Amino acid sequence: MKPASHHVTRCRRCTAPIVWCLTSANGRRQPVDAAPDEEGNVAVSSGADGVLYVRTVTAARPDIRPGEWRAMPHHATCTSPPPRRSSAPTPRAVRGVRPVPWQR
């Protein structure tokens, strides 16, 4: 099963076709590759409201239900992903007392 054409959009970085889905766990948006993939680890389904929902395929729930298709999260396949955020403090984040002019 493939997503409807009105759901398909393009990734801003690599221009690959993707669909935006809501996660069934917490309702956050997640980009998913538009093409079905048998090696994918998420299952995408269309809700009654016309919104696409995604859930992770786990060992506890490995079956794909009717109306779902297996896909790959786009974060795993993007050819030009965004730069990773570092957890190291930036120079502005360092706390301390600023020296006054007469202390220099």
PDB file of N, CA and C in Angstrom:
ATOM      1  N   MET A   1       0.851  -1.183   0.000  1.00  0.00           N
ATOM      2  CA  MET A   1       0.000   0.000   0.000  1.00  0.00           C
ATOM      3  C   MET A   1       0.891   1.238   0.000  1.00  0.00           C
ATOM      4  N   LYS A   2       0.516   2.225  -0.758  1.00  0.00           N
ATOM      5  CA  LYS A   2       1.274   3.467  -0.835  1.00  0.00           C
ATOM      6  C   LYS A   2       0.432   4.606  -0.280  1.00  0.00           C
ATOM      7  N   PRO A   3       1.096   5.666   0.191  1.00  0.00           N
ATOM      8  CA  PRO A   3       0.335   6.816   0.689  1.00  0.00           C
ATOM      9  C   PRO A   3      -0.330   7.567  -0.452  1.00  0.00           C
ATOM     10  N   ALA A   4      -1.399   8.280  -0.136  1.00  0.00           N
ATOM     11  CA  ALA A   4      -2.077   9.090  -1.143  1.00  0.00           C
ATOM     12  C   ALA A   4      -1.150  10.206  -1.606  1.00  0.00           C
ATOM     13  N   SER A   5      -1.317  10.648  -2.826  1.00  0.00           N
ATOM     14  CA  SER A   5      -0.405  11.639  -3.408  1.00  0.00           C
ATOM     15  C   SER A   5      -0.460  12.974  -2.668  1.00  0.00           C
ATOM     16  N   HIS A   6      -1.578  13.301  -2.031  1.00  0.00           N
ATOM     17  CA  HIS A   6      -1.650  14.581  -1.328  1.00  0.00           C
ATOM     18  C   HIS A   6      -0.871  14.565  -0.013  1.00  0.00           C
ATOM     19  N   HIS A   7      -0.448  13.393   0.459  1.00  0.00           N
ATOM     20  CA  HIS A   7       0.374  13.297   1.664  1.00  0.00           C
ATOM     21  C   HIS A   7       1.860  13.438   1.350  1.00  0.00           C
ATOM     22  N   VAL A   8       2.256  13.161   0.116  1.00  0.00           N
ATOM     23  CA  VAL A   8       3.674  13.118  -0.245  1.00  0.00           C
ATOM     24  C   VAL A   8       4.218  14.532  -0.428  1.00  0.00           C
ATOM     25  N   THR A   9       5.371  14.779   0.186  1.00  0.00           N
ATOM     26  CA  THR A   9       6.082  16.041   0.040  1.00  0.00           C
ATOM     27  C   THR A   9       7.555  15.711  -0.155  1.00  0.00           C
ATOM     28  N   ARG A  10       8.400  16.705  -0.240  1.00  0.00           N
ATOM     29  CA  ARG A  10       9.834  16.489  -0.461  1.00  0.00           C
ATOM     30  C   ARG A  10      10.636  16.942   0.752  1.00  0.00           C
ATOM     31  N   CYS A  11      11.724  16.235   1.034  1.00  0.00           N
ATOM     32  CA  CYS A  11      12.653  16.608   2.099  1.00  0.00           C
ATOM     33  C   CYS A  11      13.368  17.887   1.676  1.00  0.00           C
ATOM     34  N   ARG A  12      13.527  18.829   2.588  1.00  0.00           N
ATOM     35  CA  ARG A  12      14.190  20.093   2.265  1.00  0.00           C
ATOM     36  C   ARG A  12      15.669  19.912   1.978  1.00  0.00           C
ATOM     37  N   ARG A  13      16.279  18.903   2.563  1.00  0.00           N
ATOM     38  CA  ARG A  13      17.723  18.730   2.420  1.00  0.00           C
ATOM     39  C   ARG A  13      18.102  17.851   1.235  1.00  0.00           C
ATOM     40  N   CYS A  14      17.440  16.710   1.055  1.00  0.00           N
ATOM     41  CA  CYS A  14      17.840  15.779  -0.004  1.00  0.00           C
ATOM     42  C   CYS A  14      16.802  15.646  -1.117  1.00  0.00           C
ATOM     43  N   THR A  15      15.674  16.297  -1.009  1.00  0.00           N
ATOM     44  CA  THR A  15      14.565  16.305  -1.978  1.00  0.00           C
ATOM     45  C   THR A  15      13.972  14.920  -2.245  1.00  0.00           C
ATOM     46  N   ALA A  16      14.136  13.989  -1.321  1.00  0.00           N
ATOM     47  CA  ALA A  16      13.520  12.672  -1.454  1.00  0.00           C
ATOM     48  C   ALA A  16      12.039  12.775  -1.089  1.00  0.00           C
ATOM     49  N   PRO A  17      11.183  11.951  -1.697  1.00  0.00           N
ATOM     50  CA  PRO A  17       9.761  11.979  -1.336  1.00  0.00           C
ATOM     51  C   PRO A  17       9.541  11.397   0.061  1.00  0.00           C
ATOM     52  N   ILE A  18       8.836  12.157   0.902  1.00  0.00           N
ATOM     53  CA  ILE A  18       8.543  11.736   2.273  1.00  0.00           C
ATOM     54  C   ILE A  18       7.083  12.011   2.587  1.00  0.00           C
ATOM     55  N   VAL A  19       6.611  11.422   3.658  1.00  0.00           N
ATOM     56  CA  VAL A  19       5.291  11.735   4.212  1.00  0.00           C
ATOM     57  C   VAL A  19       5.491  12.066   5.680  1.00  0.00           C
ATOM     58  N   TRP A  20       4.705  13.000   6.175  1.00  0.00           N
ATOM     59  CA  TRP A  20       4.759  13.361   7.590  1.00  0.00           C
ATOM     60  C   TRP A  20       3.667  12.586   8.308  1.00  0.00           C
ATOM     61  N   CYS A  21       4.044  11.919   9.382  1.00  0.00           N
ATOM     62  CA  CYS A  21       3.114  11.104  10.161  1.00  0.00           C
ATOM     63  C   CYS A  21       3.142  11.560  11.613  1.00  0.00           C
ATOM     64  N   LEU A  22       2.089  11.254  12.326  1.00  0.00           N
ATOM     65  CA  LEU A  22       2.052  11.462  13.767  1.00  0.00           C
ATOM     66  C   LEU A  22       2.366  10.140  14.436  1.00  0.00           C
ATOM     67  N   THR A  23       3.233  10.180  15.448  1.00  0.00           N
ATOM     68  CA  THR A  23       3.539   8.949  16.161  1.00  0.00           C
ATOM     69  C   THR A  23       2.361   8.570  17.044  1.00  0.00           C
ATOM     70  N   SER A  24       2.072   7.301  17.080  1.00  0.00           N
ATOM     71  CA  SER A  24       0.943   6.856  17.892  1.00  0.00           C
ATOM     72  C   SER A  24       1.296   6.886  19.373  1.00  0.00           C
ATOM     73  N   ALA A  25       2.580   6.919  19.722  1.00  0.00           N
ATOM     74  CA  ALA A  25       2.984   6.923  21.126  1.00  0.00           C
ATOM     75  C   ALA A  25       2.772   8.284  21.778  1.00  0.00           C
ATOM     76  N   ASN A  26       3.223   9.375  21.122  1.00  0.00           N
ATOM     77  CA  ASN A  26       3.137  10.680  21.769  1.00  0.00           C
ATOM     78  C   ASN A  26       2.616  11.793  20.865  1.00  0.00           C
ATOM     79  N   GLY A  27       2.212  11.494  19.649  1.00  0.00           N
ATOM     80  CA  GLY A  27       1.604  12.494  18.784  1.00  0.00           C
ATOM     81  C   GLY A  27       2.567  13.475  18.138  1.00  0.00           C
ATOM     82  N   ARG A  28       3.860  13.171  18.136  1.00  0.00           N
ATOM     83  CA  ARG A  28       4.834  14.051  17.487  1.00  0.00           C
ATOM     84  C   ARG A  28       4.922  13.734  15.999  1.00  0.00           C
ATOM     85  N   ARG A  29       5.365  14.733  15.232  1.00  0.00           N
ATOM     86  CA  ARG A  29       5.508  14.540  13.790  1.00  0.00           C
ATOM     87  C   ARG A  29       6.812  13.818  13.482  1.00  0.00           C
ATOM     88  N   GLN A  30       6.757  12.878  12.532  1.00  0.00           N
ATOM     89  CA  GLN A  30       7.938  12.131  12.139  1.00  0.00           C
ATOM     90  C   GLN A  30       7.939  11.981  10.622  1.00  0.00           C
ATOM     91  N   PRO A  31       9.061  12.322   9.960  1.00  0.00           N
ATOM     92  CA  PRO A  31       9.139  12.102   8.514  1.00  0.00           C
ATOM     93  C   PRO A  31       9.434  10.634   8.229  1.00  0.00           C
ATOM     94  N   VAL A  32       8.726  10.089   7.239  1.00  0.00           N
ATOM     95  CA  VAL A  32       8.881   8.688   6.851  1.00  0.00           C
ATOM     96  C   VAL A  32       9.031   8.660   5.333  1.00  0.00           C
ATOM     97  N   ASP A  33       9.883   7.771   4.830  1.00  0.00           N
ATOM     98  CA  ASP A  33      10.030   7.630   3.385  1.00  0.00           C
ATOM     99  C   ASP A  33       8.683   7.256   2.774  1.00  0.00           C
ATOM    100  N   ALA A  34       8.367   7.865   1.631  1.00  0.00           N
ATOM    101  CA  ALA A  34       7.060   7.642   1.014  1.00  0.00           C
ATOM    102  C   ALA A  34       6.951   6.255   0.393  1.00  0.00           C
ATOM    103  N   ALA A  35       8.060   5.703  -0.058  1.00  0.00           N
ATOM    104  CA  ALA A  35       8.030   4.383  -0.685  1.00  0.00           C
ATOM    105  C   ALA A  35       7.999   3.294   0.382  1.00  0.00           C
ATOM    106  N   PRO A  36       7.114   2.312   0.250  1.00  0.00           N
ATOM    107  CA  PRO A  36       7.109   1.198   1.204  1.00  0.00           C
ATOM    108  C   PRO A  36       8.433   0.439   1.149  1.00  0.00           C
ATOM    109  N   ASP A  37       8.878  -0.065   2.294  1.00  0.00           N
ATOM    110  CA  ASP A  37      10.151  -0.760   2.390  1.00  0.00           C
ATOM    111  C   ASP A  37       9.974  -1.968   3.297  1.00  0.00           C
ATOM    112  N   GLU A  38      10.231  -3.159   2.781  1.00  0.00           N
ATOM    113  CA  GLU A  38      10.068  -4.380   3.567  1.00  0.00           C
ATOM    114  C   GLU A  38      11.083  -4.484   4.694  1.00  0.00           C
ATOM    115  N   GLU A  39      12.194  -3.737   4.609  1.00  0.00           N
ATOM    116  CA  GLU A  39      13.207  -3.742   5.655  1.00  0.00           C
ATOM    117  C   GLU A  39      12.939  -2.668   6.711  1.00  0.00           C
ATOM    118  N   GLY A  40      11.897  -1.871   6.527  1.00  0.00           N
ATOM    119  CA  GLY A  40      11.598  -0.770   7.435  1.00  0.00           C
ATOM    120  C   GLY A  40      11.200  -1.241   8.820  1.00  0.00           C
ATOM    121  N   ASN A  41      11.354  -0.347   9.792  1.00  0.00           N
ATOM    122  CA  ASN A  41      11.027  -0.706  11.169  1.00  0.00           C
ATOM    123  C   ASN A  41       9.855   0.082  11.726  1.00  0.00           C
ATOM    124  N   VAL A  42       9.067   0.726  10.849  1.00  0.00           N
ATOM    125  CA  VAL A  42       7.849   1.403  11.284  1.00  0.00           C
ATOM    126  C   VAL A  42       6.685   0.958  10.404  1.00  0.00           C
ATOM    127  N   ALA A  43       5.504   1.020  10.974  1.00  0.00           N
ATOM    128  CA  ALA A  43       4.280   0.702  10.247  1.00  0.00           C
ATOM    129  C   ALA A  43       3.445   1.967  10.157  1.00  0.00           C
ATOM    130  N   VAL A  44       3.027   2.312   8.947  1.00  0.00           N
ATOM    131  CA  VAL A  44       2.267   3.533   8.701  1.00  0.00           C
ATOM    132  C   VAL A  44       0.838   3.154   8.352  1.00  0.00           C
ATOM    133  N   SER A  45      -0.119   3.887   8.933  1.00  0.00           N
ATOM    134  CA  SER A  45      -1.527   3.650   8.629  1.00  0.00           C
ATOM    135  C   SER A  45      -2.234   4.985   8.504  1.00  0.00           C
ATOM    136  N   SER A  46      -3.335   4.973   7.793  1.00  0.00           N
ATOM    137  CA  SER A  46      -4.140   6.174   7.636  1.00  0.00           C
ATOM    138  C   SER A  46      -5.301   6.099   8.616  1.00  0.00           C
ATOM    139  N   GLY A  47      -5.433   7.151   9.419  1.00  0.00           N
ATOM    140  CA  GLY A  47      -6.502   7.181  10.404  1.00  0.00           C
ATOM    141  C   GLY A  47      -7.835   7.556   9.785  1.00  0.00           C
ATOM    142  N   ALA A  48      -8.885   7.462  10.569  1.00  0.00           N
ATOM    143  CA  ALA A  48     -10.218   7.812  10.101  1.00  0.00           C
ATOM    144  C   ALA A  48     -10.333   9.297   9.782  1.00  0.00           C
ATOM    145  N   ASP A  49      -9.463  10.114  10.405  1.00  0.00           N
ATOM    146  CA  ASP A  49      -9.476  11.554  10.163  1.00  0.00           C
ATOM    147  C   ASP A  49      -8.628  11.954   8.958  1.00  0.00           C
ATOM    148  N   GLY A  50      -8.029  10.970   8.254  1.00  0.00           N
ATOM    149  CA  GLY A  50      -7.225  11.250   7.080  1.00  0.00           C
ATOM    150  C   GLY A  50      -5.773  11.548   7.384  1.00  0.00           C
ATOM    151  N   VAL A  51      -5.384  11.496   8.643  1.00  0.00           N
ATOM    152  CA  VAL A  51      -4.007  11.758   9.050  1.00  0.00           C
ATOM    153  C   VAL A  51      -3.241  10.438   9.053  1.00  0.00           C
ATOM    154  N   LEU A  52      -1.965  10.486   8.673  1.00  0.00           N
ATOM    155  CA  LEU A  52      -1.128   9.296   8.705  1.00  0.00           C
ATOM    156  C   LEU A  52      -0.543   9.124  10.098  1.00  0.00           C
ATOM    157  N   TYR A  53      -0.582   7.910  10.597  1.00  0.00           N
ATOM    158  CA  TYR A  53      -0.036   7.577  11.909  1.00  0.00           C
ATOM    159  C   TYR A  53       1.061   6.536  11.732  1.00  0.00           C
ATOM    160  N   VAL A  54       2.077   6.621  12.565  1.00  0.00           N
ATOM    161  CA  VAL A  54       3.207   5.700  12.474  1.00  0.00           C
ATOM    162  C   VAL A  54       3.437   5.067  13.841  1.00  0.00           C
ATOM    163  N   ARG A  55       3.818   3.800  13.829  1.00  0.00           N
ATOM    164  CA  ARG A  55       4.184   3.095  15.051  1.00  0.00           C
ATOM    165  C   ARG A  55       5.416   2.265  14.764  1.00  0.00           C
ATOM    166  N   THR A  56       6.191   1.997  15.797  1.00  0.00           N
ATOM    167  CA  THR A  56       7.401   1.201  15.643  1.00  0.00           C
ATOM    168  C   THR A  56       7.048  -0.277  15.624  1.00  0.00           C
ATOM    169  N   VAL A  57       7.655  -1.007  14.709  1.00  0.00           N
ATOM    170  CA  VAL A  57       7.493  -2.454  14.655  1.00  0.00           C
ATOM    171  C   VAL A  57       8.505  -3.048  15.618  1.00  0.00           C
ATOM    172  N   THR A  58       8.017  -3.708  16.649  1.00  0.00           N
ATOM    173  CA  THR A  58       8.875  -4.271  17.689  1.00  0.00           C
ATOM    174  C   THR A  58       8.739  -5.784  17.721  1.00  0.00           C
ATOM    175  N   ALA A  59       9.559  -6.418  18.534  1.00  0.00           N
ATOM    176  CA  ALA A  59       9.471  -7.868  18.690  1.00  0.00           C
ATOM    177  C   ALA A  59       8.144  -8.259  19.340  1.00  0.00           C
ATOM    178  N   ALA A  60       7.613  -7.376  20.179  1.00  0.00           N
ATOM    179  CA  ALA A  60       6.337  -7.663  20.830  1.00  0.00           C
ATOM    180  C   ALA A  60       5.165  -7.522  19.854  1.00  0.00           C
ATOM    181  N   ARG A  61       5.300  -6.609  18.891  1.00  0.00           N
ATOM    182  CA  ARG A  61       4.231  -6.394  17.890  1.00  0.00           C
ATOM    183  C   ARG A  61       4.842  -6.358  16.487  1.00  0.00           C
ATOM    184  N   PRO A  62       5.311  -7.510  15.971  1.00  0.00           N
ATOM    185  CA  PRO A  62       5.965  -7.521  14.666  1.00  0.00           C
ATOM    186  C   PRO A  62       5.003  -7.587  13.484  1.00  0.00           C
ATOM    187  N   ASP A  63       3.736  -7.862  13.751  1.00  0.00           N
ATOM    188  CA  ASP A  63       2.786  -8.045  12.655  1.00  0.00           C
ATOM    189  C   ASP A  63       2.349  -6.708  12.050  1.00  0.00           C
ATOM    190  N   ILE A  64       2.125  -6.723  10.757  1.00  0.00           N
ATOM    191  CA  ILE A  64       1.602  -5.571  10.035  1.00  0.00           C
ATOM    192  C   ILE A  64       0.110  -5.819   9.835  1.00  0.00           C
ATOM    193  N   ARG A  65      -0.696  -4.935  10.388  1.00  0.00           N
ATOM    194  CA  ARG A  65      -2.145  -5.090  10.325  1.00  0.00           C
ATOM    195  C   ARG A  65      -2.683  -4.701   8.953  1.00  0.00           C
ATOM    196  N   PRO A  66      -3.887  -5.115   8.617  1.00  0.00           N
ATOM    197  CA  PRO A  66      -4.490  -4.675   7.350  1.00  0.00           C
ATOM    198  C   PRO A  66      -4.623  -3.156   7.320  1.00  0.00           C
ATOM    199  N   GLY A  67      -4.285  -2.559   6.209  1.00  0.00           N
ATOM    200  CA  GLY A  67      -4.341  -1.112   6.071  1.00  0.00           C
ATOM    201  C   GLY A  67      -3.038  -0.421   6.427  1.00  0.00           C
ATOM    202  N   GLU A  68      -2.049  -1.159   6.931  1.00  0.00           N
ATOM    203  CA  GLU A  68      -0.743  -0.595   7.260  1.00  0.00           C
ATOM    204  C   GLU A  68       0.276  -1.003   6.202  1.00  0.00           C
ATOM    205  N   TRP A  69       1.330  -0.212   6.086  1.00  0.00           N
ATOM    206  CA  TRP A  69       2.454  -0.625   5.263  1.00  0.00           C
ATOM    207  C   TRP A  69       3.731  -0.339   6.015  1.00  0.00           C
ATOM    208  N   ARG A  70       4.737  -1.151   5.728  1.00  0.00           N
ATOM    209  CA  ARG A  70       6.036  -1.043   6.391  1.00  0.00           C
ATOM    210  C   ARG A  70       6.874  -0.007   5.651  1.00  0.00           C
ATOM    211  N   ALA A  71       7.532   0.863   6.408  1.00  0.00           N
ATOM    212  CA  ALA A  71       8.341   1.923   5.816  1.00  0.00           C
ATOM    213  C   ALA A  71       9.571   2.169   6.677  1.00  0.00           C
ATOM    214  N   MET A  72      10.444   3.030   6.172  1.00  0.00           N
ATOM    215  CA  MET A  72      11.683   3.382   6.869  1.00  0.00           C
ATOM    216  C   MET A  72      11.591   4.840   7.310  1.00  0.00           C
ATOM    217  N   PRO A  73      11.981   5.168   8.553  1.00  0.00           N
ATOM    218  CA  PRO A  73      12.021   6.568   8.967  1.00  0.00           C
ATOM    219  C   PRO A  73      13.020   7.331   8.093  1.00  0.00           C
ATOM    220  N   HIS A  74      12.664   8.547   7.709  1.00  0.00           N
ATOM    221  CA  HIS A  74      13.522   9.286   6.787  1.00  0.00           C
ATOM    222  C   HIS A  74      14.830   9.715   7.440  1.00  0.00           C
ATOM    223  N   HIS A  75      14.862   9.856   8.758  1.00  0.00           N
ATOM    224  CA  HIS A  75      16.106  10.220   9.435  1.00  0.00           C
ATOM    225  C   HIS A  75      17.189   9.172   9.184  1.00  0.00           C
ATOM    226  N   ALA A  76      16.802   7.928   8.961  1.00  0.00           N
ATOM    227  CA  ALA A  76      17.764   6.848   8.743  1.00  0.00           C
ATOM    228  C   ALA A  76      18.286   6.818   7.312  1.00  0.00           C
ATOM    229  N   THR A  77      17.563   7.400   6.356  1.00  0.00           N
ATOM    230  CA  THR A  77      17.948   7.291   4.953  1.00  0.00           C
ATOM    231  C   THR A  77      18.296   8.612   4.290  1.00  0.00           C
ATOM    232  N   CYS A  78      18.178   9.723   4.985  1.00  0.00           N
ATOM    233  CA  CYS A  78      18.446  11.034   4.384  1.00  0.00           C
ATOM    234  C   CYS A  78      19.920  11.122   3.988  1.00  0.00           C
ATOM    235  N   THR A  79      20.180  11.549   2.756  1.00  0.00           N
ATOM    236  CA  THR A  79      21.556  11.617   2.275  1.00  0.00           C
ATOM    237  C   THR A  79      22.287  12.858   2.774  1.00  0.00           C
ATOM    238  N   SER A  80      21.577  13.883   3.215  1.00  0.00           N
ATOM    239  CA  SER A  80      22.232  15.059   3.803  1.00  0.00           C
ATOM    240  C   SER A  80      21.485  15.456   5.076  1.00  0.00           C
ATOM    241  N   PRO A  81      21.702  14.693   6.159  1.00  0.00           N
ATOM    242  CA  PRO A  81      20.988  14.975   7.407  1.00  0.00           C
ATOM    243  C   PRO A  81      21.462  16.276   8.033  1.00  0.00           C
ATOM    244  N   PRO A  82      20.653  16.850   8.909  1.00  0.00           N
ATOM    245  CA  PRO A  82      21.086  18.076   9.595  1.00  0.00           C
ATOM    246  C   PRO A  82      22.268  17.773  10.505  1.00  0.00           C
ATOM    247  N   PRO A  83      23.099  18.765  10.797  1.00  0.00           N
ATOM    248  CA  PRO A  83      24.231  18.518  11.681  1.00  0.00           C
ATOM    249  C   PRO A  83      23.761  18.116  13.074  1.00  0.00           C
ATOM    250  N   ARG A  84      24.521  17.241  13.683  1.00  0.00           N
ATOM    251  CA  ARG A  84      24.158  16.784  15.022  1.00  0.00           C
ATOM    252  C   ARG A  84      24.401  17.886  16.029  1.00  0.00           C
ATOM    253  N   ARG A  85      23.542  17.966  17.000  1.00  0.00           N
ATOM    254  CA  ARG A  85      23.704  18.950  18.066  1.00  0.00           C
ATOM    255  C   ARG A  85      24.662  18.399  19.105  1.00  0.00           C
ATOM    256  N   SER A  86      25.550  19.231  19.545  1.00  0.00           N
ATOM    257  CA  SER A  86      26.513  18.825  20.553  1.00  0.00           C
ATOM    258  C   SER A  86      25.962  19.152  21.938  1.00  0.00           C
ATOM    259  N   SER A  87      26.285  18.318  22.891  1.00  0.00           N
ATOM    260  CA  SER A  87      25.850  18.591  24.256  1.00  0.00           C
ATOM    261  C   SER A  87      26.918  19.382  25.019  1.00  0.00           C
ATOM    262  N   ALA A  88      28.043  19.664  24.350  1.00  0.00           N
ATOM    263  CA  ALA A  88      29.107  20.444  25.000  1.00  0.00           C
ATOM    264  C   ALA A  88      28.644  21.889  25.153  1.00  0.00           C
ATOM    265  N   PRO A  89      29.007  22.511  26.255  1.00  0.00           N
ATOM    266  CA  PRO A  89      28.579  23.900  26.451  1.00  0.00           C
ATOM    267  C   PRO A  89      29.269  24.837  25.465  1.00  0.00           C
ATOM    268  N   THR A  90      28.553  25.816  25.005  1.00  0.00           N
ATOM    269  CA  THR A  90      29.110  26.828  24.126  1.00  0.00           C
ATOM    270  C   THR A  90      29.760  27.903  24.986  1.00  0.00           C
ATOM    271  N   PRO A  91      30.604  28.740  24.398  1.00  0.00           N
ATOM    272  CA  PRO A  91      31.247  29.771  25.212  1.00  0.00           C
ATOM    273  C   PRO A  91      30.250  30.681  25.932  1.00  0.00           C
ATOM    274  N   ARG A  92      29.097  30.932  25.330  1.00  0.00           N
ATOM    275  CA  ARG A  92      28.107  31.779  25.984  1.00  0.00           C
ATOM    276  C   ARG A  92      27.448  31.070  27.164  1.00  0.00           C
ATOM    277  N   ALA A  93      27.474  29.744  27.168  1.00  0.00           N
ATOM    278  CA  ALA A  93      26.805  28.999  28.227  1.00  0.00           C
ATOM    279  C   ALA A  93      27.669  28.902  29.486  1.00  0.00           C
ATOM    280  N   VAL A  94      28.943  29.246  29.393  1.00  0.00           N
ATOM    281  CA  VAL A  94      29.824  29.176  30.552  1.00  0.00           C
ATOM    282  C   VAL A  94      29.431  30.271  31.529  1.00  0.00           C
ATOM    283  N   ARG A  95      29.243  29.886  32.760  1.00  0.00           N
ATOM    284  CA  ARG A  95      28.812  30.840  33.763  1.00  0.00           C
ATOM    285  C   ARG A  95      30.015  31.327  34.573  1.00  0.00           C
ATOM    286  N   GLY A  96      29.916  32.508  35.088  1.00  0.00           N
ATOM    287  CA  GLY A  96      30.985  33.047  35.905  1.00  0.00           C
ATOM    288  C   GLY A  96      30.815  34.549  36.044  1.00  0.00           C
ATOM    289  N   VAL A  97      31.751  35.156  36.703  1.00  0.00           N
ATOM    290  CA  VAL A  97      31.713  36.593  36.930  1.00  0.00           C
ATOM    291  C   VAL A  97      32.538  37.266  35.844  1.00  0.00           C
ATOM    292  N   ARG A  98      31.964  38.256  35.223  1.00  0.00           N
ATOM    293  CA  ARG A  98      32.708  39.013  34.229  1.00  0.00           C
ATOM    294  C   ARG A  98      33.660  39.974  34.932  1.00  0.00           C
ATOM    295  N   PRO A  99      34.881  40.066  34.442  1.00  0.00           N
ATOM    296  CA  PRO A  99      35.807  41.013  35.074  1.00  0.00           C
ATOM    297  C   PRO A  99      35.405  42.451  34.732  1.00  0.00           C
ATOM    298  N   VAL A 100      35.551  43.320  35.681  1.00  0.00           N
ATOM    299  CA  VAL A 100      35.287  44.735  35.433  1.00  0.00           C
ATOM    300  C   VAL A 100      36.539  45.345  34.834  1.00  0.00           C
ATOM    301  N   PRO A 101      36.428  46.518  34.170  1.00  0.00           N
ATOM    302  CA  PRO A 101      37.587  47.078  33.464  1.00  0.00           C
ATOM    303  C   PRO A 101      38.839  47.230  34.341  1.00  0.00           C
ATOM    304  N   TRP A 102      38.703  47.574  35.612  1.00  0.00           N
ATOM    305  CA  TRP A 102      39.907  47.802  36.428  1.00  0.00           C
ATOM    306  C   TRP A 102      40.590  46.507  36.833  1.00  0.00           C
ATOM    307  N   GLN A 103      39.945  45.300  36.594  1.00  0.00           N
ATOM    308  CA  GLN A 103      40.558  44.036  36.944  1.00  0.00           C
ATOM    309  C   GLN A 103      41.382  43.455  35.799  1.00  0.00           C
ATOM    310  N   ARG A 104      41.369  44.042  34.657  1.00  0.00           N
ATOM    311  CA  ARG A 104      42.087  43.481  33.501  1.00  0.00           C
ATOM    312  C   ARG A 104      43.510  43.764  33.532  1.00  0.00           C
TER     313      ARG A 104
END
